Amino acid sequence: MKVEDLLGKSDKPILLQFFAEWCGPCKMLSRMIDESLDAVTEKVELQRIDVDHDPQLAAEFFVRAVPTMVLIDQQGAILWKHTGVMAVPDILKQVAQ
């Protein structure tokens, strides 16, 4: 997948959730986001990216550890980046800024 493939599908910013199947904290973060999926997708377009299946995209966003979330605008510019688990209300606060 390329960044260009993600752009232009919505007018909302895009939240890239980089994860790996073997990553316990990634699974925890995914469950937390899934429980609040409506609130999350109201604000952003959510894209989950498995770093083992798409290492080029992970490298393009300098993802060195998982879970990592990267918020980008519709031009692909990074608005915010966080590595580690984060509560959904805190994610939504960052997205709203």
N, C-alpha and C. Protein backbone atom coordinates (compact mmCIF):
# COMPACT_ATOMS: atom_id res chain seq x y z
N MET A 1 0.84 -1.18 0.00
CA MET A 1 0.00 0.00 0.00
C MET A 1 0.89 1.25 0.00
N LYS A 2 0.39 2.29 -0.65
CA LYS A 2 1.12 3.56 -0.68
C LYS A 2 0.26 4.62 -0.02
N VAL A 3 0.89 5.69 0.42
CA VAL A 3 0.17 6.79 1.04
C VAL A 3 -0.91 7.31 0.10
N GLU A 4 -0.59 7.40 -1.16
CA GLU A 4 -1.55 7.91 -2.15
C GLU A 4 -2.83 7.08 -2.19
N ASP A 5 -2.71 5.78 -1.87
CA ASP A 5 -3.89 4.91 -1.86
C ASP A 5 -4.86 5.28 -0.75
N LEU A 6 -4.36 5.95 0.29
CA LEU A 6 -5.18 6.30 1.44
C LEU A 6 -5.87 7.65 1.29
N LEU A 7 -5.32 8.49 0.44
CA LEU A 7 -5.78 9.88 0.34
C LEU A 7 -6.99 10.02 -0.58
N GLY A 8 -7.78 11.05 -0.31
CA GLY A 8 -8.88 11.40 -1.19
C GLY A 8 -10.14 10.57 -1.03
N LYS A 9 -10.18 9.65 -0.10
CA LYS A 9 -11.37 8.83 0.10
C LYS A 9 -12.39 9.53 0.99
N SER A 10 -11.94 10.52 1.73
CA SER A 10 -12.80 11.21 2.69
C SER A 10 -12.25 12.61 2.89
N ASP A 11 -13.06 13.49 3.45
CA ASP A 11 -12.55 14.83 3.76
C ASP A 11 -12.00 14.89 5.18
N LYS A 12 -12.11 13.78 5.91
CA LYS A 12 -11.60 13.72 7.28
C LYS A 12 -10.11 13.39 7.29
N PRO A 13 -9.43 13.76 8.38
CA PRO A 13 -8.05 13.30 8.54
C PRO A 13 -8.04 11.77 8.62
N ILE A 14 -6.89 11.18 8.40
CA ILE A 14 -6.75 9.73 8.41
C ILE A 14 -5.89 9.32 9.60
N LEU A 15 -6.42 8.41 10.42
CA LEU A 15 -5.67 7.87 11.54
C LEU A 15 -5.13 6.51 11.12
N LEU A 16 -3.81 6.43 10.99
CA LEU A 16 -3.14 5.18 10.64
C LEU A 16 -2.79 4.48 11.93
N GLN A 17 -3.31 3.28 12.12
CA GLN A 17 -2.99 2.49 13.31
C GLN A 17 -2.06 1.37 12.86
N PHE A 18 -0.78 1.53 13.14
CA PHE A 18 0.22 0.52 12.79
C PHE A 18 0.25 -0.52 13.90
N PHE A 19 0.18 -1.80 13.52
CA PHE A 19 0.13 -2.88 14.49
C PHE A 19 0.85 -4.10 13.94
N ALA A 20 0.96 -5.12 14.79
CA ALA A 20 1.45 -6.43 14.37
C ALA A 20 0.59 -7.48 15.07
N GLU A 21 0.33 -8.57 14.39
CA GLU A 21 -0.51 -9.64 14.95
C GLU A 21 0.03 -10.19 16.26
N TRP A 22 1.35 -10.23 16.40
CA TRP A 22 1.99 -10.82 17.57
C TRP A 22 2.09 -9.85 18.74
N CYS A 23 1.65 -8.63 18.59
CA CYS A 23 1.83 -7.56 19.57
C CYS A 23 0.64 -7.48 20.53
N GLY A 24 0.85 -7.83 21.79
CA GLY A 24 -0.21 -7.76 22.80
C GLY A 24 -0.78 -6.36 22.99
N PRO A 25 0.07 -5.34 23.17
CA PRO A 25 -0.47 -3.98 23.31
C PRO A 25 -1.26 -3.53 22.07
N CYS A 26 -0.87 -4.00 20.89
CA CYS A 26 -1.61 -3.66 19.67
C CYS A 26 -3.04 -4.21 19.74
N LYS A 27 -3.16 -5.45 20.20
CA LYS A 27 -4.48 -6.06 20.33
C LYS A 27 -5.33 -5.31 21.34
N MET A 28 -4.72 -4.89 22.44
CA MET A 28 -5.43 -4.13 23.46
C MET A 28 -5.93 -2.80 22.88
N LEU A 29 -5.06 -2.09 22.15
CA LEU A 29 -5.44 -0.82 21.55
C LEU A 29 -6.56 -1.02 20.53
N SER A 30 -6.47 -2.06 19.72
CA SER A 30 -7.52 -2.33 18.73
C SER A 30 -8.86 -2.59 19.40
N ARG A 31 -8.86 -3.35 20.50
CA ARG A 31 -10.11 -3.60 21.23
C ARG A 31 -10.69 -2.30 21.76
N MET A 32 -9.83 -1.44 22.33
CA MET A 32 -10.30 -0.17 22.87
C MET A 32 -10.90 0.70 21.77
N ILE A 33 -10.24 0.76 20.63
CA ILE A 33 -10.76 1.55 19.51
C ILE A 33 -12.06 0.95 18.99
N ASP A 34 -12.11 -0.38 18.87
CA ASP A 34 -13.33 -1.04 18.38
C ASP A 34 -14.53 -0.75 19.28
N GLU A 35 -14.30 -0.68 20.60
CA GLU A 35 -15.38 -0.39 21.54
C GLU A 35 -15.94 1.01 21.35
N SER A 36 -15.15 1.91 20.80
CA SER A 36 -15.57 3.30 20.58
C SER A 36 -15.49 3.66 19.10
N LEU A 37 -15.69 2.68 18.24
CA LEU A 37 -15.46 2.86 16.81
C LEU A 37 -16.30 4.00 16.22
N ASP A 38 -17.55 4.12 16.63
CA ASP A 38 -18.40 5.19 16.08
C ASP A 38 -17.83 6.57 16.42
N ALA A 39 -17.39 6.75 17.66
CA ALA A 39 -16.83 8.04 18.08
C ALA A 39 -15.54 8.33 17.32
N VAL A 40 -14.75 7.30 17.08
CA VAL A 40 -13.47 7.47 16.38
C VAL A 40 -13.72 7.80 14.91
N THR A 41 -14.56 7.00 14.25
CA THR A 41 -14.76 7.19 12.81
C THR A 41 -15.62 8.41 12.49
N GLU A 42 -16.25 8.99 13.50
CA GLU A 42 -16.95 10.26 13.29
C GLU A 42 -15.94 11.38 13.04
N LYS A 43 -14.76 11.25 13.64
CA LYS A 43 -13.73 12.29 13.56
C LYS A 43 -12.67 12.02 12.49
N VAL A 44 -12.36 10.74 12.26
CA VAL A 44 -11.27 10.39 11.35
C VAL A 44 -11.64 9.18 10.50
N GLU A 45 -10.90 9.01 9.44
CA GLU A 45 -10.94 7.79 8.64
C GLU A 45 -9.89 6.87 9.25
N LEU A 46 -10.27 5.71 9.75
CA LEU A 46 -9.35 4.79 10.41
C LEU A 46 -8.81 3.78 9.41
N GLN A 47 -7.49 3.64 9.38
CA GLN A 47 -6.83 2.64 8.54
C GLN A 47 -5.87 1.85 9.42
N ARG A 48 -6.05 0.54 9.48
CA ARG A 48 -5.15 -0.32 10.25
C ARG A 48 -4.13 -0.92 9.29
N ILE A 49 -2.87 -0.84 9.70
CA ILE A 49 -1.78 -1.30 8.84
C ILE A 49 -0.90 -2.27 9.61
N ASP A 50 -0.83 -3.49 9.13
CA ASP A 50 0.02 -4.52 9.73
C ASP A 50 1.45 -4.29 9.24
N VAL A 51 2.35 -3.98 10.16
CA VAL A 51 3.72 -3.65 9.78
C VAL A 51 4.46 -4.84 9.16
N ASP A 52 4.04 -6.04 9.48
CA ASP A 52 4.68 -7.22 8.90
C ASP A 52 4.24 -7.43 7.44
N HIS A 53 3.04 -6.99 7.10
CA HIS A 53 2.55 -7.13 5.73
C HIS A 53 2.81 -5.90 4.88
N ASP A 54 3.06 -4.76 5.52
CA ASP A 54 3.28 -3.52 4.78
C ASP A 54 4.45 -2.73 5.37
N PRO A 55 5.66 -3.32 5.34
CA PRO A 55 6.80 -2.65 5.97
C PRO A 55 7.21 -1.35 5.28
N GLN A 56 6.92 -1.22 3.98
CA GLN A 56 7.30 0.03 3.28
C GLN A 56 6.52 1.22 3.81
N LEU A 57 5.21 1.03 4.03
CA LEU A 57 4.40 2.13 4.55
C LEU A 57 4.82 2.47 5.98
N ALA A 58 5.12 1.45 6.77
CA ALA A 58 5.61 1.69 8.13
C ALA A 58 6.91 2.48 8.10
N ALA A 59 7.80 2.13 7.19
CA ALA A 59 9.08 2.84 7.08
C ALA A 59 8.87 4.27 6.62
N GLU A 60 7.91 4.48 5.73
CA GLU A 60 7.64 5.82 5.22
C GLU A 60 7.21 6.78 6.34
N PHE A 61 6.54 6.23 7.36
CA PHE A 61 6.11 7.03 8.50
C PHE A 61 7.03 6.85 9.71
N PHE A 62 8.21 6.27 9.48
CA PHE A 62 9.23 6.10 10.52
C PHE A 62 8.69 5.37 11.75
N VAL A 63 7.90 4.33 11.51
CA VAL A 63 7.37 3.52 12.60
C VAL A 63 8.46 2.55 13.03
N ARG A 64 8.90 2.69 14.26
CA ARG A 64 9.99 1.85 14.78
C ARG A 64 9.50 0.84 15.82
N ALA A 65 8.29 1.07 16.36
CA ALA A 65 7.71 0.19 17.37
C ALA A 65 6.20 0.21 17.18
N VAL A 66 5.55 -0.82 17.67
CA VAL A 66 4.09 -0.89 17.59
C VAL A 66 3.52 -1.10 18.98
N PRO A 67 2.32 -0.63 19.23
CA PRO A 67 1.45 0.10 18.32
C PRO A 67 1.91 1.55 18.13
N THR A 68 1.73 2.05 16.93
CA THR A 68 1.97 3.47 16.63
C THR A 68 0.77 4.00 15.87
N MET A 69 0.33 5.18 16.27
CA MET A 69 -0.75 5.86 15.56
C MET A 69 -0.19 7.11 14.91
N VAL A 70 -0.56 7.33 13.66
CA VAL A 70 -0.13 8.52 12.93
C VAL A 70 -1.38 9.15 12.33
N LEU A 71 -1.58 10.42 12.62
CA LEU A 71 -2.70 11.17 12.06
C LEU A 71 -2.17 12.00 10.90
N ILE A 72 -2.76 11.82 9.72
CA ILE A 72 -2.33 12.59 8.55
C ILE A 72 -3.52 13.34 7.96
N ASP A 73 -3.22 14.42 7.26
CA ASP A 73 -4.28 15.15 6.56
C ASP A 73 -4.45 14.55 5.17
N GLN A 74 -5.34 15.12 4.38
CA GLN A 74 -5.64 14.58 3.05
C GLN A 74 -4.52 14.78 2.04
N GLN A 75 -3.49 15.55 2.42
CA GLN A 75 -2.32 15.71 1.56
C GLN A 75 -1.19 14.76 1.99
N GLY A 76 -1.41 14.01 3.08
CA GLY A 76 -0.42 13.07 3.57
C GLY A 76 0.55 13.64 4.58
N ALA A 77 0.33 14.89 5.00
CA ALA A 77 1.22 15.51 6.00
C ALA A 77 0.88 14.97 7.39
N ILE A 78 1.92 14.69 8.17
CA ILE A 78 1.73 14.18 9.52
C ILE A 78 1.27 15.31 10.44
N LEU A 79 0.13 15.10 11.09
CA LEU A 79 -0.41 16.06 12.05
C LEU A 79 -0.07 15.69 13.48
N TRP A 80 0.08 14.39 13.74
CA TRP A 80 0.32 13.89 15.10
C TRP A 80 0.81 12.46 15.00
N LYS A 81 1.65 12.07 15.96
CA LYS A 81 2.16 10.70 15.99
C LYS A 81 2.34 10.29 17.44
N HIS A 82 1.99 9.02 17.74
CA HIS A 82 2.13 8.51 19.10
C HIS A 82 2.47 7.02 19.03
N THR A 83 3.44 6.62 19.83
CA THR A 83 3.79 5.20 19.94
C THR A 83 3.38 4.71 21.32
N GLY A 84 2.70 3.58 21.36
CA GLY A 84 2.23 3.00 22.61
C GLY A 84 0.71 3.05 22.69
N VAL A 85 0.19 2.39 23.72
CA VAL A 85 -1.25 2.36 23.94
C VAL A 85 -1.68 3.71 24.51
N MET A 86 -2.85 4.16 24.07
CA MET A 86 -3.40 5.44 24.53
C MET A 86 -4.91 5.26 24.64
N ALA A 87 -5.50 5.83 25.68
CA ALA A 87 -6.95 5.74 25.86
C ALA A 87 -7.66 6.47 24.72
N VAL A 88 -8.79 5.94 24.32
CA VAL A 88 -9.55 6.52 23.21
C VAL A 88 -9.92 7.98 23.45
N PRO A 89 -10.37 8.38 24.66
CA PRO A 89 -10.66 9.81 24.87
C PRO A 89 -9.43 10.69 24.61
N ASP A 90 -8.25 10.21 24.96
CA ASP A 90 -7.03 10.98 24.70
C ASP A 90 -6.71 11.04 23.21
N ILE A 91 -6.98 9.95 22.51
CA ILE A 91 -6.80 9.95 21.05
C ILE A 91 -7.74 10.97 20.42
N LEU A 92 -9.00 10.96 20.85
CA LEU A 92 -9.98 11.89 20.29
C LEU A 92 -9.61 13.34 20.57
N LYS A 93 -9.02 13.60 21.73
CA LYS A 93 -8.56 14.97 22.04
C LYS A 93 -7.48 15.39 21.05
N GLN A 94 -6.56 14.50 20.75
CA GLN A 94 -5.49 14.82 19.80
C GLN A 94 -6.06 15.05 18.40
N VAL A 95 -7.02 14.24 18.03
CA VAL A 95 -7.63 14.35 16.71
C VAL A 95 -8.37 15.68 16.57
N ALA A 96 -8.99 16.13 17.64
CA ALA A 96 -9.78 17.37 17.61
C ALA A 96 -8.93 18.62 17.50
N GLN A 97 -7.65 18.52 17.80
CA GLN A 97 -6.79 19.71 17.79
C GLN A 97 -6.41 20.13 16.40
